[in-house]
Amino acid sequence: MKNYKAIILGAQCSGKTTLYQHLRSKTNMSTFEQDELLIEKNDGVYPSDLNHKHDVLLPQIEKETIADNNRIHIGSYFSVISLKKAKESGFKIIILSVPEKILKERNEKRMREQNYDDANKWLQGELDYLEAIENQGLVSDVIEGTLSVEEIVKNLMKILKPSS
């Protein structure tokens, strides 16, 4: 059995949920989505208390992710300290990259068609974070998030080398 160790990060509207759903339905890879884990750890409700989310829940999720020898974790944030530990333990840190203009267009569409709240208020912070972790040398690879989900998965499989 092949084990995969990857943390895939991207801004809102970069295609993380689409990738997650595809991997869960089309592969037998052990795949986890950060928002689902947050809801699970917060009694079935997405955490509205940001301090509780960042100080309690996310550190638990990060610790569990790093301890797992077969996990693809998809989310928008992972602390720098945890990314360093994950990389040291063999995880590939991958960014799902989409140009800012397209992220904003996708956000507008999601608001219009799915009645989502405007996520643009978080966008610059997310983009700054992704740039910072890349500049710190923590990112193993970048996948172009404007590709079809099938092409993204092909690129992902080229990046991931089975650890056992």
N, C-alpha and C. Protein backbone atom coordinates (compact mmCIF):
# COMPACT_ATOMS: atom_id res chain seq x y z
N MET A 1 0.85 -1.19 0.00
CA MET A 1 0.00 0.00 0.00
C MET A 1 0.89 1.25 0.00
N LYS A 2 0.55 2.20 -0.83
CA LYS A 2 1.32 3.43 -0.93
C LYS A 2 0.84 4.43 0.11
N ASN A 3 1.79 5.07 0.75
CA ASN A 3 1.47 6.14 1.70
C ASN A 3 1.86 7.48 1.09
N TYR A 4 0.98 8.44 1.26
CA TYR A 4 1.22 9.78 0.74
C TYR A 4 1.19 10.77 1.89
N LYS A 5 2.14 11.69 1.89
CA LYS A 5 2.21 12.71 2.93
C LYS A 5 2.28 14.07 2.24
N ALA A 6 1.15 14.80 2.29
CA ALA A 6 1.10 16.10 1.64
C ALA A 6 0.20 17.05 2.41
N ILE A 7 0.59 18.30 2.42
CA ILE A 7 -0.25 19.38 2.93
C ILE A 7 -0.43 20.32 1.75
N ILE A 8 -1.68 20.45 1.31
CA ILE A 8 -2.01 21.29 0.16
C ILE A 8 -2.72 22.53 0.69
N LEU A 9 -2.15 23.69 0.40
CA LEU A 9 -2.68 24.94 0.91
C LEU A 9 -3.08 25.85 -0.25
N GLY A 10 -4.14 26.62 -0.04
CA GLY A 10 -4.56 27.58 -1.05
C GLY A 10 -5.50 28.60 -0.45
N ALA A 11 -5.61 29.72 -1.11
CA ALA A 11 -6.54 30.77 -0.68
C ALA A 11 -7.97 30.30 -0.94
N GLN A 12 -8.93 31.05 -0.40
CA GLN A 12 -10.32 30.72 -0.68
C GLN A 12 -10.55 30.78 -2.18
N CYS A 13 -11.42 29.92 -2.65
CA CYS A 13 -11.80 29.86 -4.07
C CYS A 13 -10.67 29.36 -4.97
N SER A 14 -9.66 28.72 -4.40
CA SER A 14 -8.56 28.20 -5.22
C SER A 14 -8.81 26.79 -5.72
N GLY A 15 -9.91 26.17 -5.29
CA GLY A 15 -10.24 24.83 -5.75
C GLY A 15 -9.96 23.73 -4.75
N LYS A 16 -9.72 24.09 -3.50
CA LYS A 16 -9.39 23.09 -2.49
C LYS A 16 -10.51 22.09 -2.28
N THR A 17 -11.74 22.57 -2.13
CA THR A 17 -12.86 21.67 -1.88
C THR A 17 -13.12 20.78 -3.08
N THR A 18 -13.02 21.32 -4.27
CA THR A 18 -13.20 20.52 -5.49
C THR A 18 -12.14 19.43 -5.56
N LEU A 19 -10.90 19.77 -5.26
CA LEU A 19 -9.82 18.77 -5.25
C LEU A 19 -10.09 17.72 -4.19
N TYR A 20 -10.47 18.15 -3.00
CA TYR A 20 -10.77 17.22 -1.90
C TYR A 20 -11.87 16.24 -2.31
N GLN A 21 -12.96 16.76 -2.84
CA GLN A 21 -14.08 15.90 -3.23
C GLN A 21 -13.66 14.92 -4.31
N HIS A 22 -12.85 15.36 -5.25
CA HIS A 22 -12.37 14.48 -6.32
C HIS A 22 -11.49 13.37 -5.74
N LEU A 23 -10.55 13.73 -4.88
CA LEU A 23 -9.66 12.72 -4.30
C LEU A 23 -10.45 11.73 -3.44
N ARG A 24 -11.43 12.20 -2.71
CA ARG A 24 -12.23 11.32 -1.85
C ARG A 24 -13.09 10.36 -2.68
N SER A 25 -13.63 10.85 -3.79
CA SER A 25 -14.54 10.01 -4.57
C SER A 25 -13.85 9.14 -5.61
N LYS A 26 -12.67 9.55 -6.08
CA LYS A 26 -12.02 8.84 -7.19
C LYS A 26 -10.77 8.07 -6.78
N THR A 27 -10.29 8.23 -5.54
CA THR A 27 -9.08 7.53 -5.12
C THR A 27 -9.30 6.92 -3.75
N ASN A 28 -8.36 6.10 -3.34
CA ASN A 28 -8.42 5.55 -1.98
C ASN A 28 -7.40 6.25 -1.07
N MET A 29 -6.98 7.43 -1.48
CA MET A 29 -6.01 8.19 -0.70
C MET A 29 -6.66 8.72 0.57
N SER A 30 -5.92 8.70 1.65
CA SER A 30 -6.39 9.20 2.94
C SER A 30 -6.36 10.73 2.90
N THR A 31 -7.51 11.33 2.63
CA THR A 31 -7.59 12.77 2.37
C THR A 31 -8.48 13.45 3.40
N PHE A 32 -8.00 14.56 3.93
CA PHE A 32 -8.73 15.30 4.96
C PHE A 32 -8.82 16.77 4.56
N GLU A 33 -9.96 17.37 4.86
CA GLU A 33 -10.19 18.78 4.53
C GLU A 33 -10.28 19.57 5.83
N GLN A 34 -9.51 20.62 5.93
CA GLN A 34 -9.37 21.38 7.17
C GLN A 34 -10.70 21.86 7.74
N ASP A 35 -11.58 22.41 6.92
CA ASP A 35 -12.84 22.92 7.44
C ASP A 35 -13.69 21.80 8.04
N GLU A 36 -13.71 20.64 7.40
CA GLU A 36 -14.45 19.51 7.95
C GLU A 36 -13.88 19.08 9.29
N LEU A 37 -12.56 19.07 9.41
CA LEU A 37 -11.93 18.70 10.67
C LEU A 37 -12.25 19.72 11.76
N LEU A 38 -12.27 21.00 11.40
CA LEU A 38 -12.63 22.03 12.38
C LEU A 38 -14.06 21.84 12.88
N ILE A 39 -14.97 21.54 11.97
CA ILE A 39 -16.36 21.30 12.35
C ILE A 39 -16.47 20.07 13.24
N GLU A 40 -15.79 19.01 12.86
CA GLU A 40 -15.80 17.77 13.65
C GLU A 40 -15.29 18.01 15.07
N LYS A 41 -14.22 18.75 15.21
CA LYS A 41 -13.62 19.00 16.53
C LYS A 41 -14.37 20.05 17.34
N ASN A 42 -15.30 20.75 16.71
CA ASN A 42 -16.06 21.81 17.38
C ASN A 42 -17.53 21.43 17.50
N ASP A 43 -17.79 20.17 17.80
CA ASP A 43 -19.15 19.67 18.04
C ASP A 43 -20.11 19.91 16.87
N GLY A 44 -19.60 19.76 15.64
CA GLY A 44 -20.45 19.82 14.47
C GLY A 44 -20.75 21.21 13.95
N VAL A 45 -20.08 22.22 14.47
CA VAL A 45 -20.33 23.60 14.06
C VAL A 45 -18.99 24.25 13.70
N TYR A 46 -18.98 25.01 12.60
CA TYR A 46 -17.75 25.73 12.25
C TYR A 46 -17.46 26.75 13.35
N PRO A 47 -16.23 26.79 13.86
CA PRO A 47 -15.91 27.67 14.99
C PRO A 47 -16.03 29.16 14.65
N SER A 48 -16.82 29.87 15.42
CA SER A 48 -16.94 31.31 15.23
C SER A 48 -15.95 32.07 16.11
N ASP A 49 -15.47 31.41 17.16
CA ASP A 49 -14.47 32.01 18.05
C ASP A 49 -13.09 31.81 17.43
N LEU A 50 -12.54 32.88 16.86
CA LEU A 50 -11.25 32.77 16.16
C LEU A 50 -10.11 32.38 17.08
N ASN A 51 -10.15 32.83 18.34
CA ASN A 51 -9.10 32.44 19.28
C ASN A 51 -9.14 30.94 19.53
N HIS A 52 -10.33 30.40 19.75
CA HIS A 52 -10.47 28.95 19.97
C HIS A 52 -10.02 28.18 18.72
N LYS A 53 -10.40 28.69 17.57
CA LYS A 53 -10.01 28.05 16.31
C LYS A 53 -8.49 28.01 16.16
N HIS A 54 -7.83 29.14 16.35
CA HIS A 54 -6.39 29.24 16.09
C HIS A 54 -5.53 28.73 17.25
N ASP A 55 -6.02 28.86 18.48
CA ASP A 55 -5.20 28.48 19.63
C ASP A 55 -5.42 27.04 20.10
N VAL A 56 -6.58 26.47 19.78
CA VAL A 56 -6.91 25.13 20.26
C VAL A 56 -7.12 24.14 19.11
N LEU A 57 -8.06 24.44 18.23
CA LEU A 57 -8.45 23.46 17.21
C LEU A 57 -7.39 23.24 16.14
N LEU A 58 -6.90 24.32 15.54
CA LEU A 58 -5.89 24.16 14.48
C LEU A 58 -4.62 23.48 14.98
N PRO A 59 -4.10 23.82 16.17
CA PRO A 59 -2.92 23.08 16.66
C PRO A 59 -3.18 21.58 16.83
N GLN A 60 -4.39 21.21 17.27
CA GLN A 60 -4.73 19.79 17.37
C GLN A 60 -4.70 19.12 16.00
N ILE A 61 -5.30 19.77 15.03
CA ILE A 61 -5.36 19.23 13.67
C ILE A 61 -3.95 19.12 13.09
N GLU A 62 -3.14 20.13 13.29
CA GLU A 62 -1.77 20.11 12.77
C GLU A 62 -0.96 18.99 13.40
N LYS A 63 -1.09 18.80 14.70
CA LYS A 63 -0.37 17.74 15.40
C LYS A 63 -0.79 16.36 14.88
N GLU A 64 -2.10 16.15 14.72
CA GLU A 64 -2.60 14.88 14.20
C GLU A 64 -2.13 14.64 12.77
N THR A 65 -2.12 15.69 11.98
CA THR A 65 -1.67 15.57 10.59
C THR A 65 -0.22 15.13 10.54
N ILE A 66 0.65 15.80 11.28
CA ILE A 66 2.08 15.49 11.26
C ILE A 66 2.34 14.07 11.76
N ALA A 67 1.54 13.60 12.71
CA ALA A 67 1.74 12.25 13.27
C ALA A 67 1.27 11.15 12.32
N ASP A 68 0.51 11.50 11.31
CA ASP A 68 -0.06 10.51 10.38
C ASP A 68 0.94 10.22 9.26
N ASN A 69 1.20 8.96 9.01
CA ASN A 69 2.13 8.57 7.95
C ASN A 69 1.45 8.37 6.60
N ASN A 70 0.17 8.65 6.52
CA ASN A 70 -0.56 8.48 5.27
C ASN A 70 -1.71 9.48 5.25
N ARG A 71 -1.42 10.70 4.83
CA ARG A 71 -2.45 11.73 4.88
C ARG A 71 -2.18 12.81 3.84
N ILE A 72 -3.25 13.17 3.16
CA ILE A 72 -3.26 14.38 2.35
C ILE A 72 -4.20 15.34 3.07
N HIS A 73 -3.63 16.44 3.52
CA HIS A 73 -4.39 17.45 4.26
C HIS A 73 -4.56 18.65 3.33
N ILE A 74 -5.81 19.09 3.18
CA ILE A 74 -6.11 20.21 2.30
C ILE A 74 -6.74 21.32 3.13
N GLY A 75 -6.14 22.52 3.07
CA GLY A 75 -6.67 23.62 3.85
C GLY A 75 -6.10 24.95 3.41
N SER A 76 -6.39 25.97 4.21
CA SER A 76 -5.93 27.31 3.86
C SER A 76 -4.80 27.79 4.76
N TYR A 77 -4.57 27.10 5.88
CA TYR A 77 -3.57 27.59 6.82
C TYR A 77 -2.98 26.43 7.61
N PHE A 78 -1.69 26.54 7.88
CA PHE A 78 -0.95 25.61 8.73
C PHE A 78 0.17 26.45 9.33
N SER A 79 0.35 26.43 10.63
CA SER A 79 1.34 27.32 11.24
C SER A 79 2.73 27.05 10.68
N VAL A 80 3.57 28.07 10.67
CA VAL A 80 4.93 27.94 10.15
C VAL A 80 5.70 26.89 10.94
N ILE A 81 5.56 26.89 12.26
CA ILE A 81 6.25 25.90 13.09
C ILE A 81 5.82 24.49 12.70
N SER A 82 4.51 24.29 12.52
CA SER A 82 4.01 22.97 12.13
C SER A 82 4.41 22.60 10.71
N LEU A 83 4.47 23.58 9.81
CA LEU A 83 4.93 23.28 8.45
C LEU A 83 6.37 22.79 8.47
N LYS A 84 7.20 23.42 9.29
CA LYS A 84 8.60 22.97 9.41
C LYS A 84 8.67 21.55 9.93
N LYS A 85 7.88 21.23 10.96
CA LYS A 85 7.85 19.87 11.51
C LYS A 85 7.33 18.88 10.47
N ALA A 86 6.30 19.27 9.75
CA ALA A 86 5.73 18.39 8.72
C ALA A 86 6.75 18.11 7.63
N LYS A 87 7.42 19.14 7.19
CA LYS A 87 8.43 18.97 6.14
C LYS A 87 9.55 18.05 6.62
N GLU A 88 9.99 18.22 7.87
CA GLU A 88 11.03 17.36 8.45
C GLU A 88 10.58 15.91 8.53
N SER A 89 9.28 15.68 8.69
CA SER A 89 8.77 14.31 8.79
C SER A 89 8.35 13.74 7.43
N GLY A 90 8.70 14.44 6.35
CA GLY A 90 8.48 13.88 5.02
C GLY A 90 7.28 14.38 4.25
N PHE A 91 6.56 15.34 4.79
CA PHE A 91 5.42 15.88 4.06
C PHE A 91 5.88 16.80 2.94
N LYS A 92 5.19 16.72 1.82
CA LYS A 92 5.34 17.69 0.74
C LYS A 92 4.37 18.83 1.05
N ILE A 93 4.86 20.04 0.99
CA ILE A 93 4.02 21.22 1.21
C ILE A 93 3.75 21.81 -0.17
N ILE A 94 2.48 21.83 -0.56
CA ILE A 94 2.10 22.20 -1.93
C ILE A 94 1.11 23.36 -1.88
N ILE A 95 1.34 24.35 -2.72
CA ILE A 95 0.40 25.46 -2.85
C ILE A 95 -0.43 25.27 -4.11
N LEU A 96 -1.74 25.44 -3.96
CA LEU A 96 -2.66 25.47 -5.08
C LEU A 96 -2.79 26.95 -5.45
N SER A 97 -2.16 27.35 -6.55
CA SER A 97 -2.02 28.77 -6.89
C SER A 97 -3.01 29.19 -7.97
N VAL A 98 -3.71 30.28 -7.69
CA VAL A 98 -4.67 30.86 -8.63
C VAL A 98 -4.46 32.37 -8.60
N PRO A 99 -4.42 33.03 -9.77
CA PRO A 99 -4.25 34.49 -9.78
C PRO A 99 -5.36 35.19 -8.98
N GLU A 100 -4.98 36.29 -8.35
CA GLU A 100 -5.91 37.04 -7.49
C GLU A 100 -7.19 37.43 -8.23
N LYS A 101 -7.08 37.87 -9.47
CA LYS A 101 -8.26 38.28 -10.24
C LYS A 101 -9.25 37.12 -10.37
N ILE A 102 -8.75 35.93 -10.62
CA ILE A 102 -9.63 34.75 -10.77
C ILE A 102 -10.23 34.37 -9.42
N LEU A 103 -9.45 34.47 -8.35
CA LEU A 103 -9.99 34.19 -7.01
C LEU A 103 -11.16 35.11 -6.71
N LYS A 104 -11.03 36.38 -7.06
CA LYS A 104 -12.11 37.35 -6.82
C LYS A 104 -13.33 37.03 -7.68
N GLU A 105 -13.10 36.63 -8.93
CA GLU A 105 -14.22 36.25 -9.80
C GLU A 105 -14.94 35.02 -9.26
N ARG A 106 -14.17 34.03 -8.80
CA ARG A 106 -14.77 32.82 -8.24
C ARG A 106 -15.56 33.15 -6.97
N ASN A 107 -15.04 34.07 -6.17
CA ASN A 107 -15.74 34.48 -4.96
C ASN A 107 -17.07 35.13 -5.31
N GLU A 108 -17.07 36.02 -6.29
CA GLU A 108 -18.31 36.68 -6.72
C GLU A 108 -19.33 35.65 -7.19
N LYS A 109 -18.87 34.68 -7.96
CA LYS A 109 -19.76 33.62 -8.46
C LYS A 109 -20.32 32.80 -7.30
N ARG A 110 -19.47 32.46 -6.35
CA ARG A 110 -19.90 31.66 -5.21
C ARG A 110 -20.92 32.43 -4.37
N MET A 111 -20.71 33.73 -4.21
CA MET A 111 -21.67 34.56 -3.46
C MET A 111 -23.02 34.59 -4.18
N ARG A 112 -22.96 34.77 -5.49
CA ARG A 112 -24.17 34.90 -6.29
C ARG A 112 -24.93 33.57 -6.39
N GLU A 113 -24.21 32.48 -6.66
CA GLU A 113 -24.88 31.21 -6.95
C GLU A 113 -25.09 30.32 -5.73
N GLN A 114 -24.25 30.49 -4.71
CA GLN A 114 -24.36 29.60 -3.55
C GLN A 114 -24.64 30.35 -2.25
N ASN A 115 -24.89 31.65 -2.37
CA ASN A 115 -25.25 32.47 -1.22
C ASN A 115 -24.18 32.48 -0.12
N TYR A 116 -22.91 32.41 -0.51
CA TYR A 116 -21.80 32.48 0.43
C TYR A 116 -21.58 33.93 0.85
N ASP A 117 -20.99 34.09 2.03
CA ASP A 117 -20.54 35.42 2.46
C ASP A 117 -19.34 35.83 1.61
N ASP A 118 -19.09 37.13 1.55
CA ASP A 118 -17.95 37.65 0.80
C ASP A 118 -16.65 37.28 1.51
N ALA A 119 -15.84 36.45 0.87
CA ALA A 119 -14.57 36.00 1.45
C ALA A 119 -13.40 36.90 1.07
N ASN A 120 -13.65 37.92 0.27
CA ASN A 120 -12.55 38.79 -0.17
C ASN A 120 -11.87 39.52 0.99
N LYS A 121 -12.59 39.69 2.11
CA LYS A 121 -11.98 40.38 3.24
C LYS A 121 -10.79 39.62 3.80
N TRP A 122 -10.71 38.33 3.54
CA TRP A 122 -9.60 37.50 4.02
C TRP A 122 -8.53 37.28 2.96
N LEU A 123 -8.83 37.64 1.73
CA LEU A 123 -7.99 37.24 0.60
C LEU A 123 -6.55 37.75 0.70
N GLN A 124 -6.36 39.03 0.96
CA GLN A 124 -5.00 39.56 0.97
C GLN A 124 -4.15 38.89 2.05
N GLY A 125 -4.74 38.66 3.21
CA GLY A 125 -4.02 37.97 4.28
C GLY A 125 -3.63 36.56 3.87
N GLU A 126 -4.52 35.86 3.18
CA GLU A 126 -4.21 34.51 2.72
C GLU A 126 -3.10 34.52 1.68
N LEU A 127 -3.17 35.46 0.75
CA LEU A 127 -2.13 35.56 -0.28
C LEU A 127 -0.78 35.93 0.33
N ASP A 128 -0.79 36.82 1.31
CA ASP A 128 0.45 37.20 2.00
C ASP A 128 1.05 36.00 2.72
N TYR A 129 0.20 35.22 3.39
CA TYR A 129 0.65 34.02 4.09
C TYR A 129 1.30 33.03 3.12
N LEU A 130 0.63 32.75 2.01
CA LEU A 130 1.16 31.79 1.03
C LEU A 130 2.50 32.27 0.46
N GLU A 131 2.60 33.57 0.19
CA GLU A 131 3.86 34.12 -0.31
C GLU A 131 4.95 34.00 0.76
N ALA A 132 4.59 34.25 2.01
CA ALA A 132 5.58 34.19 3.10
C ALA A 132 6.12 32.78 3.29
N ILE A 133 5.25 31.77 3.27
CA ILE A 133 5.77 30.41 3.47
C ILE A 133 6.59 29.95 2.28
N GLU A 134 6.24 30.45 1.10
CA GLU A 134 7.05 30.12 -0.08
C GLU A 134 8.42 30.80 0.03
N ASN A 135 8.44 32.06 0.45
CA ASN A 135 9.70 32.79 0.60
C ASN A 135 10.59 32.20 1.69
N GLN A 136 9.99 31.53 2.66
CA GLN A 136 10.75 30.89 3.74
C GLN A 136 11.28 29.52 3.34
N GLY A 137 11.00 29.10 2.11
CA GLY A 137 11.49 27.81 1.64
C GLY A 137 10.72 26.62 2.16
N LEU A 138 9.50 26.84 2.63
CA LEU A 138 8.72 25.74 3.18
C LEU A 138 7.90 25.00 2.13
N VAL A 139 7.74 25.60 0.97
CA VAL A 139 6.88 25.02 -0.07
C VAL A 139 7.70 24.11 -0.98
N SER A 140 7.22 22.88 -1.13
CA SER A 140 7.89 21.90 -1.99
C SER A 140 7.56 22.14 -3.45
N ASP A 141 6.28 22.42 -3.72
CA ASP A 141 5.81 22.56 -5.10
C ASP A 141 4.60 23.48 -5.15
N VAL A 142 4.34 24.00 -6.35
CA VAL A 142 3.16 24.83 -6.61
C VAL A 142 2.42 24.18 -7.77
N ILE A 143 1.11 24.03 -7.61
CA ILE A 143 0.26 23.51 -8.68
C ILE A 143 -0.66 24.63 -9.14
N GLU A 144 -0.77 24.81 -10.44
CA GLU A 144 -1.64 25.83 -11.02
C GLU A 144 -3.09 25.42 -10.80
N GLY A 145 -3.81 26.22 -10.00
CA GLY A 145 -5.18 25.89 -9.63
C GLY A 145 -6.23 26.23 -10.66
N THR A 146 -5.83 26.78 -11.81
CA THR A 146 -6.81 27.06 -12.86
C THR A 146 -6.97 25.87 -13.81
N LEU A 147 -6.15 24.85 -13.61
CA LEU A 147 -6.27 23.64 -14.43
C LEU A 147 -7.53 22.88 -14.04
N SER A 148 -7.94 21.93 -14.88
CA SER A 148 -9.05 21.06 -14.51
C SER A 148 -8.64 20.23 -13.30
N VAL A 149 -9.61 19.77 -12.53
CA VAL A 149 -9.29 18.97 -11.35
C VAL A 149 -8.51 17.71 -11.75
N GLU A 150 -8.81 17.16 -12.91
CA GLU A 150 -8.08 15.97 -13.37
C GLU A 150 -6.61 16.30 -13.62
N GLU A 151 -6.33 17.46 -14.21
CA GLU A 151 -4.94 17.88 -14.44
C GLU A 151 -4.23 18.20 -13.13
N ILE A 152 -4.96 18.78 -12.20
CA ILE A 152 -4.37 19.06 -10.89
C ILE A 152 -3.97 17.75 -10.22
N VAL A 153 -4.83 16.75 -10.29
CA VAL A 153 -4.52 15.44 -9.69
C VAL A 153 -3.32 14.81 -10.39
N LYS A 154 -3.24 14.91 -11.70
CA LYS A 154 -2.07 14.38 -12.42
C LYS A 154 -0.79 15.05 -11.93
N ASN A 155 -0.82 16.37 -11.79
CA ASN A 155 0.35 17.09 -11.28
C ASN A 155 0.67 16.68 -9.84
N LEU A 156 -0.36 16.51 -9.04
CA LEU A 156 -0.16 16.08 -7.65
C LEU A 156 0.52 14.72 -7.60
N MET A 157 0.08 13.80 -8.44
CA MET A 157 0.66 12.45 -8.43
C MET A 157 2.11 12.47 -8.90
N LYS A 158 2.47 13.39 -9.78
CA LYS A 158 3.87 13.52 -10.19
C LYS A 158 4.73 14.01 -9.02
N ILE A 159 4.16 14.87 -8.20
CA ILE A 159 4.89 15.44 -7.07
C ILE A 159 5.08 14.43 -5.94
N LEU A 160 4.02 13.68 -5.67
CA LEU A 160 4.04 12.78 -4.51
C LEU A 160 4.81 11.51 -4.82
N LYS A 161 5.73 11.24 -3.98
CA LYS A 161 6.48 10.00 -4.07
C LYS A 161 6.05 9.14 -2.89
N PRO A 162 5.64 7.91 -3.13
CA PRO A 162 5.23 7.07 -2.01
C PRO A 162 6.36 6.96 -0.98
N SER A 163 5.97 7.13 0.30
CA SER A 163 6.98 7.05 1.36
C SER A 163 7.20 5.61 1.80
N SER A 164 6.29 4.72 1.46
CA SER A 164 6.50 3.29 1.76
C SER A 164 5.53 2.45 0.97
